[in-house]
């Protein structure tokens, strides 16, 4: 899996403090499958009627909501205002965004728990300055079809109007995004070292492993 280059239509959500209950309402938290949440992303905003896990998708759409409008309905990069993902720490919010097809969220700031949950699920979050964010919003306002190219390796965002933004990302988080690693995959990268350490400990402190089968 290689997500070094991510391209796609930008979806403008020019609103601050978008919380996790708006991203995925509480009635969908009964499932822990990680998949199948895409149809319920921004549920109370996308639909005119409430739903549940058994909803078939035949509910009337709120045509005023951005995800129900072209070309944004096919977008995969959200541009939002500050403090995106605030509220409860539900990981379902990230699952819903991923399942819908969102690959990147760009904002000036994110709620801490949402930020960590996102990278653990290979969802790229990019922090930019207020000035840079305003430039992106202005570009979308001028050209609805506004496709961005995000070079994760070189840490740049390139817009169709020649705007280029550099961003910072933690080395481990970058690896998560490019290679699609979760916590288990990152741990298994050190499988050999872990095995060698266990062998040393068995020799050094065998009583700790007396009930272990070789």
C-alpha atoms as a PDB file:
ATOM      1  CA  UNK A   1       0.000   0.000   0.000  1.00  0.00           C
ATOM      2  CA  UNK A   2       1.452   3.349  -1.045  1.00  0.00           C
ATOM      3  CA  UNK A   3      -0.318   6.615  -0.233  1.00  0.00           C
ATOM      4  CA  UNK A   4       2.634   8.877  -0.987  1.00  0.00           C
ATOM      5  CA  UNK A   5       0.529  10.968  -3.410  1.00  0.00           C
ATOM      6  CA  UNK A   6      -3.108  11.702  -2.585  1.00  0.00           C
ATOM      7  CA  UNK A   7      -5.252  13.549  -5.120  1.00  0.00           C
ATOM      8  CA  UNK A   8      -8.873  14.575  -4.972  1.00  0.00           C
ATOM      9  CA  UNK A   9     -11.661  17.117  -4.920  1.00  0.00           C
ATOM     10  CA  UNK A  10     -11.715  19.388  -1.888  1.00  0.00           C
ATOM     11  CA  UNK A  11     -14.861  19.594   0.251  1.00  0.00           C
ATOM     12  CA  UNK A  12     -15.205  22.968   2.029  1.00  0.00           C
ATOM     13  CA  UNK A  13     -16.707  22.848   5.524  1.00  0.00           C
ATOM     14  CA  UNK A  14     -16.137  26.414   6.670  1.00  0.00           C
ATOM     15  CA  UNK A  15     -17.214  25.817  10.230  1.00  0.00           C
ATOM     16  CA  UNK A  16     -15.392  25.625  13.542  1.00  0.00           C
ATOM     17  CA  UNK A  17     -15.841  23.003  16.266  1.00  0.00           C
ATOM     18  CA  UNK A  18     -17.291  20.232  14.111  1.00  0.00           C
ATOM     19  CA  UNK A  19     -17.792  17.612  16.804  1.00  0.00           C
ATOM     20  CA  UNK A  20     -17.785  13.821  16.651  1.00  0.00           C
ATOM     21  CA  UNK A  21     -21.537  13.618  17.272  1.00  0.00           C
ATOM     22  CA  UNK A  22     -22.096  15.585  14.065  1.00  0.00           C
ATOM     23  CA  UNK A  23     -19.614  13.335  12.241  1.00  0.00           C
ATOM     24  CA  UNK A  24     -21.344  10.137  13.408  1.00  0.00           C
ATOM     25  CA  UNK A  25     -24.398  10.346  15.738  1.00  0.00           C
ATOM     26  CA  UNK A  26     -24.635   8.223  18.872  1.00  0.00           C
ATOM     27  CA  UNK A  27     -27.169   5.702  17.524  1.00  0.00           C
ATOM     28  CA  UNK A  28     -24.480   4.220  15.285  1.00  0.00           C
ATOM     29  CA  UNK A  29     -22.008   3.474  18.080  1.00  0.00           C
ATOM     30  CA  UNK A  30     -23.499   0.026  18.772  1.00  0.00           C
ATOM     31  CA  UNK A  31     -21.425  -1.498  15.989  1.00  0.00           C
ATOM     32  CA  UNK A  32     -17.646  -1.954  16.341  1.00  0.00           C
ATOM     33  CA  UNK A  33     -16.975  -3.435  12.890  1.00  0.00           C
ATOM     34  CA  UNK A  34     -15.007  -0.375  11.640  1.00  0.00           C
ATOM     35  CA  UNK A  35     -16.763  -0.648   8.269  1.00  0.00           C
ATOM     36  CA  UNK A  36     -20.220   0.238   7.009  1.00  0.00           C
ATOM     37  CA  UNK A  37     -20.369   3.697   8.591  1.00  0.00           C
ATOM     38  CA  UNK A  38     -19.877   5.694   5.378  1.00  0.00           C
ATOM     39  CA  UNK A  39     -23.609   6.061   4.622  1.00  0.00           C
ATOM     40  CA  UNK A  40     -24.088   7.600   8.081  1.00  0.00           C
ATOM     41  CA  UNK A  41     -21.304  10.192   7.918  1.00  0.00           C
ATOM     42  CA  UNK A  42     -22.715  13.599   8.958  1.00  0.00           C
ATOM     43  CA  UNK A  43     -26.038  11.767   9.193  1.00  0.00           C
ATOM     44  CA  UNK A  44     -28.170  14.493  10.764  1.00  0.00           C
ATOM     45  CA  UNK A  45     -26.896  16.988   8.183  1.00  0.00           C
ATOM     46  CA  UNK A  46     -27.050  14.771   5.081  1.00  0.00           C
ATOM     47  CA  UNK A  47     -30.586  13.481   5.600  1.00  0.00           C
ATOM     48  CA  UNK A  48     -33.953  15.041   6.374  1.00  0.00           C
ATOM     49  CA  UNK A  49     -35.009  12.067   8.506  1.00  0.00           C
ATOM     50  CA  UNK A  50     -33.152  10.337  11.373  1.00  0.00           C
ATOM     51  CA  UNK A  51     -31.678   6.896  10.754  1.00  0.00           C
ATOM     52  CA  UNK A  52     -30.202   3.867  12.508  1.00  0.00           C
ATOM     53  CA  UNK A  53     -27.892   0.974  11.670  1.00  0.00           C
ATOM     54  CA  UNK A  54     -30.691  -0.678   9.700  1.00  0.00           C
ATOM     55  CA  UNK A  55     -31.342   2.373   7.504  1.00  0.00           C
ATOM     56  CA  UNK A  56     -31.266   1.384   3.828  1.00  0.00           C
ATOM     57  CA  UNK A  57     -30.172   4.747   2.442  1.00  0.00           C
ATOM     58  CA  UNK A  58     -33.582   5.604   1.017  1.00  0.00           C
ATOM     59  CA  UNK A  59     -34.071   8.591   3.288  1.00  0.00           C
ATOM     60  CA  UNK A  60     -34.616  11.996   1.634  1.00  0.00           C
ATOM     61  CA  UNK A  61     -31.429  13.998   1.258  1.00  0.00           C
ATOM     62  CA  UNK A  62     -30.805  17.497   2.517  1.00  0.00           C
ATOM     63  CA  UNK A  63     -29.748  19.057  -0.777  1.00  0.00           C
ATOM     64  CA  UNK A  64     -28.360  22.096   1.012  1.00  0.00           C
ATOM     65  CA  UNK A  65     -25.642  20.033   2.693  1.00  0.00           C
ATOM     66  CA  UNK A  66     -22.244  20.109   0.999  1.00  0.00           C
ATOM     67  CA  UNK A  67     -21.848  16.315   0.614  1.00  0.00           C
ATOM     68  CA  UNK A  68     -25.102  16.179  -1.345  1.00  0.00           C
ATOM     69  CA  UNK A  69     -23.854  18.659  -3.938  1.00  0.00           C
ATOM     70  CA  UNK A  70     -21.640  18.214  -6.989  1.00  0.00           C
ATOM     71  CA  UNK A  71     -18.681  18.075  -7.276  1.00  0.00           C
ATOM     72  CA  UNK A  72     -18.239  17.761  -3.515  1.00  0.00           C
ATOM     73  CA  UNK A  73     -20.193  14.504  -3.205  1.00  0.00           C
ATOM     74  CA  UNK A  74     -17.285  12.741  -4.932  1.00  0.00           C
ATOM     75  CA  UNK A  75     -14.616  14.554  -2.920  1.00  0.00           C
ATOM     76  CA  UNK A  76     -12.099  12.905  -0.616  1.00  0.00           C
ATOM     77  CA  UNK A  77     -10.326  15.872   1.014  1.00  0.00           C
ATOM     78  CA  UNK A  78     -12.130  17.938   3.652  1.00  0.00           C
ATOM     79  CA  UNK A  79     -11.076  21.522   4.340  1.00  0.00           C
ATOM     80  CA  UNK A  80     -12.530  22.639   7.669  1.00  0.00           C
ATOM     81  CA  UNK A  81     -12.148  25.406  10.170  1.00  0.00           C
ATOM     82  CA  UNK A  82     -10.477  25.101  13.567  1.00  0.00           C
ATOM     83  CA  UNK A  83     -10.963  22.421  16.236  1.00  0.00           C
ATOM     84  CA  UNK A  84     -12.289  19.718  13.924  1.00  0.00           C
ATOM     85  CA  UNK A  85     -13.235  16.473  15.707  1.00  0.00           C
ATOM     86  CA  UNK A  86     -13.960  17.916  19.144  1.00  0.00           C
ATOM     87  CA  UNK A  87     -16.451  16.308  21.535  1.00  0.00           C
ATOM     88  CA  UNK A  88     -16.518  12.671  22.673  1.00  0.00           C
ATOM     89  CA  UNK A  89     -13.587  10.409  21.850  1.00  0.00           C
ATOM     90  CA  UNK A  90     -15.549   7.968  19.648  1.00  0.00           C
ATOM     91  CA  UNK A  91     -13.271   6.242  17.139  1.00  0.00           C
ATOM     92  CA  UNK A  92     -16.387   5.662  15.019  1.00  0.00           C
ATOM     93  CA  UNK A  93     -15.982   9.222  13.727  1.00  0.00           C
ATOM     94  CA  UNK A  94     -12.746   8.279  12.003  1.00  0.00           C
ATOM     95  CA  UNK A  95     -14.220   4.988  10.773  1.00  0.00           C
ATOM     96  CA  UNK A  96     -17.136   6.863   9.180  1.00  0.00           C
ATOM     97  CA  UNK A  97     -14.849   9.351   7.428  1.00  0.00           C
ATOM     98  CA  UNK A  98     -12.622   6.554   6.131  1.00  0.00           C
ATOM     99  CA  UNK A  99     -15.526   4.385   5.035  1.00  0.00           C
ATOM    100  CA  UNK A 100     -17.070   7.286   3.111  1.00  0.00           C
ATOM    101  CA  UNK A 101     -13.799   7.730   1.241  1.00  0.00           C
ATOM    102  CA  UNK A 102     -12.240  10.720   2.996  1.00  0.00           C
ATOM    103  CA  UNK A 103      -8.453  10.464   2.868  1.00  0.00           C
ATOM    104  CA  UNK A 104      -7.327  13.854   4.175  1.00  0.00           C
ATOM    105  CA  UNK A 105      -8.654  16.601   6.445  1.00  0.00           C
ATOM    106  CA  UNK A 106      -7.014  20.033   6.399  1.00  0.00           C
ATOM    107  CA  UNK A 107      -7.615  22.506   9.218  1.00  0.00           C
ATOM    108  CA  UNK A 108      -5.856  24.926  11.534  1.00  0.00           C
ATOM    109  CA  UNK A 109      -6.389  22.601  14.529  1.00  0.00           C
ATOM    110  CA  UNK A 110      -7.882  19.278  15.599  1.00  0.00           C
ATOM    111  CA  UNK A 111      -9.095  17.815  18.872  1.00  0.00           C
ATOM    112  CA  UNK A 112      -6.247  15.781  20.403  1.00  0.00           C
ATOM    113  CA  UNK A 113      -7.998  12.401  20.726  1.00  0.00           C
ATOM    114  CA  UNK A 114      -9.499  12.669  17.246  1.00  0.00           C
ATOM    115  CA  UNK A 115      -6.028  13.517  15.915  1.00  0.00           C
ATOM    116  CA  UNK A 116      -4.482  10.350  17.367  1.00  0.00           C
ATOM    117  CA  UNK A 117      -7.432   8.155  16.352  1.00  0.00           C
ATOM    118  CA  UNK A 118      -7.107   9.417  12.790  1.00  0.00           C
ATOM    119  CA  UNK A 119      -3.456   8.523  12.331  1.00  0.00           C
ATOM    120  CA  UNK A 120      -3.996   5.155  14.003  1.00  0.00           C
ATOM    121  CA  UNK A 121      -6.521   4.476  11.232  1.00  0.00           C
ATOM    122  CA  UNK A 122      -4.338   5.935   8.424  1.00  0.00           C
ATOM    123  CA  UNK A 123      -6.432   9.086   7.996  1.00  0.00           C
ATOM    124  CA  UNK A 124      -4.139  12.016   7.194  1.00  0.00           C
ATOM    125  CA  UNK A 125      -4.727  15.230   9.143  1.00  0.00           C
ATOM    126  CA  UNK A 126      -2.842  18.351   8.061  1.00  0.00           C
ATOM    127  CA  UNK A 127      -2.478  21.496  10.141  1.00  0.00           C
ATOM    128  CA  UNK A 128      -2.080  24.763   8.232  1.00  0.00           C
ATOM    129  CA  UNK A 129      -2.067  28.428   9.222  1.00  0.00           C
ATOM    130  CA  UNK A 130      -5.232  30.544   9.201  1.00  0.00           C
ATOM    131  CA  UNK A 131      -3.884  32.467   6.208  1.00  0.00           C
ATOM    132  CA  UNK A 132      -3.229  29.248   4.274  1.00  0.00           C
ATOM    133  CA  UNK A 133      -6.657  27.889   5.170  1.00  0.00           C
ATOM    134  CA  UNK A 134      -8.336  31.099   4.003  1.00  0.00           C
ATOM    135  CA  UNK A 135      -6.452  30.809   0.710  1.00  0.00           C
ATOM    136  CA  UNK A 136      -7.825  27.304   0.200  1.00  0.00           C
ATOM    137  CA  UNK A 137     -11.367  28.431   0.986  1.00  0.00           C
ATOM    138  CA  UNK A 138     -10.998  31.340  -1.427  1.00  0.00           C
ATOM    139  CA  UNK A 139      -9.788  28.995  -4.149  1.00  0.00           C
ATOM    140  CA  UNK A 140     -12.779  26.695  -3.735  1.00  0.00           C
ATOM    141  CA  UNK A 141     -15.156  29.633  -3.713  1.00  0.00           C
ATOM    142  CA  UNK A 142     -13.722  30.811  -7.026  1.00  0.00           C
ATOM    143  CA  UNK A 143     -13.584  27.346  -8.592  1.00  0.00           C
ATOM    144  CA  UNK A 144     -15.968  24.689  -7.283  1.00  0.00           C
ATOM    145  CA  UNK A 145     -13.974  21.979  -9.004  1.00  0.00           C
ATOM    146  CA  UNK A 146     -10.869  22.347  -6.891  1.00  0.00           C
ATOM    147  CA  UNK A 147      -8.633  19.291  -6.888  1.00  0.00           C
ATOM    148  CA  UNK A 148      -5.661  19.148  -4.558  1.00  0.00           C
ATOM    149  CA  UNK A 149      -2.499  17.082  -4.826  1.00  0.00           C
ATOM    150  CA  UNK A 150      -0.931  16.114  -1.532  1.00  0.00           C
ATOM    151  CA  UNK A 151       2.616  14.806  -1.564  1.00  0.00           C
ATOM    152  CA  UNK A 152       2.975  13.097   1.802  1.00  0.00           C
ATOM    153  CA  UNK A 153       6.648  12.256   1.361  1.00  0.00           C
ATOM    154  CA  UNK A 154       7.640  15.834   0.547  1.00  0.00           C
ATOM    155  CA  UNK A 155       4.910  17.319   2.754  1.00  0.00           C
ATOM    156  CA  UNK A 156       3.288  19.669   0.260  1.00  0.00           C
ATOM    157  CA  UNK A 157      -0.241  20.587  -0.792  1.00  0.00           C
ATOM    158  CA  UNK A 158      -0.586  21.820  -4.366  1.00  0.00           C
ATOM    159  CA  UNK A 159      -3.791  23.508  -5.534  1.00  0.00           C
ATOM    160  CA  UNK A 160      -4.941  24.013  -9.154  1.00  0.00           C
ATOM    161  CA  UNK A 161      -4.402  27.787  -8.849  1.00  0.00           C
ATOM    162  CA  UNK A 162      -0.660  27.158  -8.257  1.00  0.00           C
ATOM    163  CA  UNK A 163      -0.946  27.621  -4.500  1.00  0.00           C
ATOM    164  CA  UNK A 164       1.638  25.450  -2.724  1.00  0.00           C
ATOM    165  CA  UNK A 165       1.535  24.856   1.033  1.00  0.00           C
ATOM    166  CA  UNK A 166       4.186  23.061   3.062  1.00  0.00           C
ATOM    167  CA  UNK A 167       3.081  21.138   6.120  1.00  0.00           C
ATOM    168  CA  UNK A 168       4.701  19.293   9.018  1.00  0.00           C
ATOM    169  CA  UNK A 169       4.044  15.709  10.037  1.00  0.00           C
ATOM    170  CA  UNK A 170       5.566  13.380  12.605  1.00  0.00           C
ATOM    171  CA  UNK A 171       7.932  10.785  11.104  1.00  0.00           C
ATOM    172  CA  UNK A 172       5.968   7.825  12.492  1.00  0.00           C
ATOM    173  CA  UNK A 173       2.650   9.324  11.401  1.00  0.00           C
ATOM    174  CA  UNK A 174       4.030   9.827   7.905  1.00  0.00           C
ATOM    175  CA  UNK A 175       4.978   6.152   7.805  1.00  0.00           C
ATOM    176  CA  UNK A 176       1.485   5.199   8.958  1.00  0.00           C
ATOM    177  CA  UNK A 177      -0.071   7.121   6.075  1.00  0.00           C
ATOM    178  CA  UNK A 178       2.306   6.094   3.290  1.00  0.00           C
ATOM    179  CA  UNK A 179       2.384   2.400   4.240  1.00  0.00           C
ATOM    180  CA  UNK A 180      -1.093   2.105   5.771  1.00  0.00           C
ATOM    181  CA  UNK A 181       0.291   0.856   9.085  1.00  0.00           C
ATOM    182  CA  UNK A 182      -1.798   0.450  12.230  1.00  0.00           C
ATOM    183  CA  UNK A 183      -0.337  -0.097  15.718  1.00  0.00           C
ATOM    184  CA  UNK A 184       0.032  -3.848  15.190  1.00  0.00           C
ATOM    185  CA  UNK A 185       1.807  -3.446  11.847  1.00  0.00           C
ATOM    186  CA  UNK A 186       4.227  -0.930  13.374  1.00  0.00           C
ATOM    187  CA  UNK A 187       4.997  -3.345  16.208  1.00  0.00           C
ATOM    188  CA  UNK A 188       5.542  -6.263  13.836  1.00  0.00           C
ATOM    189  CA  UNK A 189       8.207  -4.250  12.028  1.00  0.00           C
ATOM    190  CA  UNK A 190      10.325  -4.995  15.096  1.00  0.00           C
ATOM    191  CA  UNK A 191       9.387  -8.664  15.244  1.00  0.00           C
ATOM    192  CA  UNK A 192      12.996  -9.846  14.982  1.00  0.00           C
ATOM    193  CA  UNK A 193      14.183  -7.500  17.730  1.00  0.00           C
ATOM    194  CA  UNK A 194      11.276  -8.537  19.969  1.00  0.00           C
ATOM    195  CA  UNK A 195      12.099 -12.200  19.445  1.00  0.00           C
ATOM    196  CA  UNK A 196      15.794 -11.625  20.207  1.00  0.00           C
ATOM    197  CA  UNK A 197      14.906  -9.732  23.381  1.00  0.00           C
ATOM    198  CA  UNK A 198      12.614 -12.560  24.540  1.00  0.00           C
ATOM    199  CA  UNK A 199      15.385 -15.131  24.011  1.00  0.00           C
ATOM    200  CA  UNK A 200      17.797 -13.032  26.083  1.00  0.00           C
ATOM    201  CA  UNK A 201      15.242 -12.668  28.863  1.00  0.00           C
ATOM    202  CA  UNK A 202      14.565 -16.423  28.896  1.00  0.00           C
ATOM    203  CA  UNK A 203      18.271 -17.024  29.521  1.00  0.00           C
ATOM    204  CA  UNK A 204      18.619 -14.169  31.992  1.00  0.00           C
ATOM    205  CA  UNK A 205      15.413 -14.740  33.957  1.00  0.00           C
ATOM    206  CA  UNK A 206      14.161 -18.254  33.108  1.00  0.00           C
ATOM    207  CA  UNK A 207      11.810 -18.312  36.116  1.00  0.00           C
ATOM    208  CA  UNK A 208       9.623 -15.763  34.400  1.00  0.00           C
ATOM    209  CA  UNK A 209       8.979 -18.192  31.574  1.00  0.00           C
ATOM    210  CA  UNK A 210       8.740 -21.483  33.454  1.00  0.00           C
ATOM    211  CA  UNK A 211       5.115 -21.947  32.395  1.00  0.00           C
ATOM    212  CA  UNK A 212       5.810 -21.029  28.770  1.00  0.00           C
ATOM    213  CA  UNK A 213       5.968 -23.749  26.143  1.00  0.00           C
ATOM    214  CA  UNK A 214       9.000 -23.635  23.859  1.00  0.00           C
END
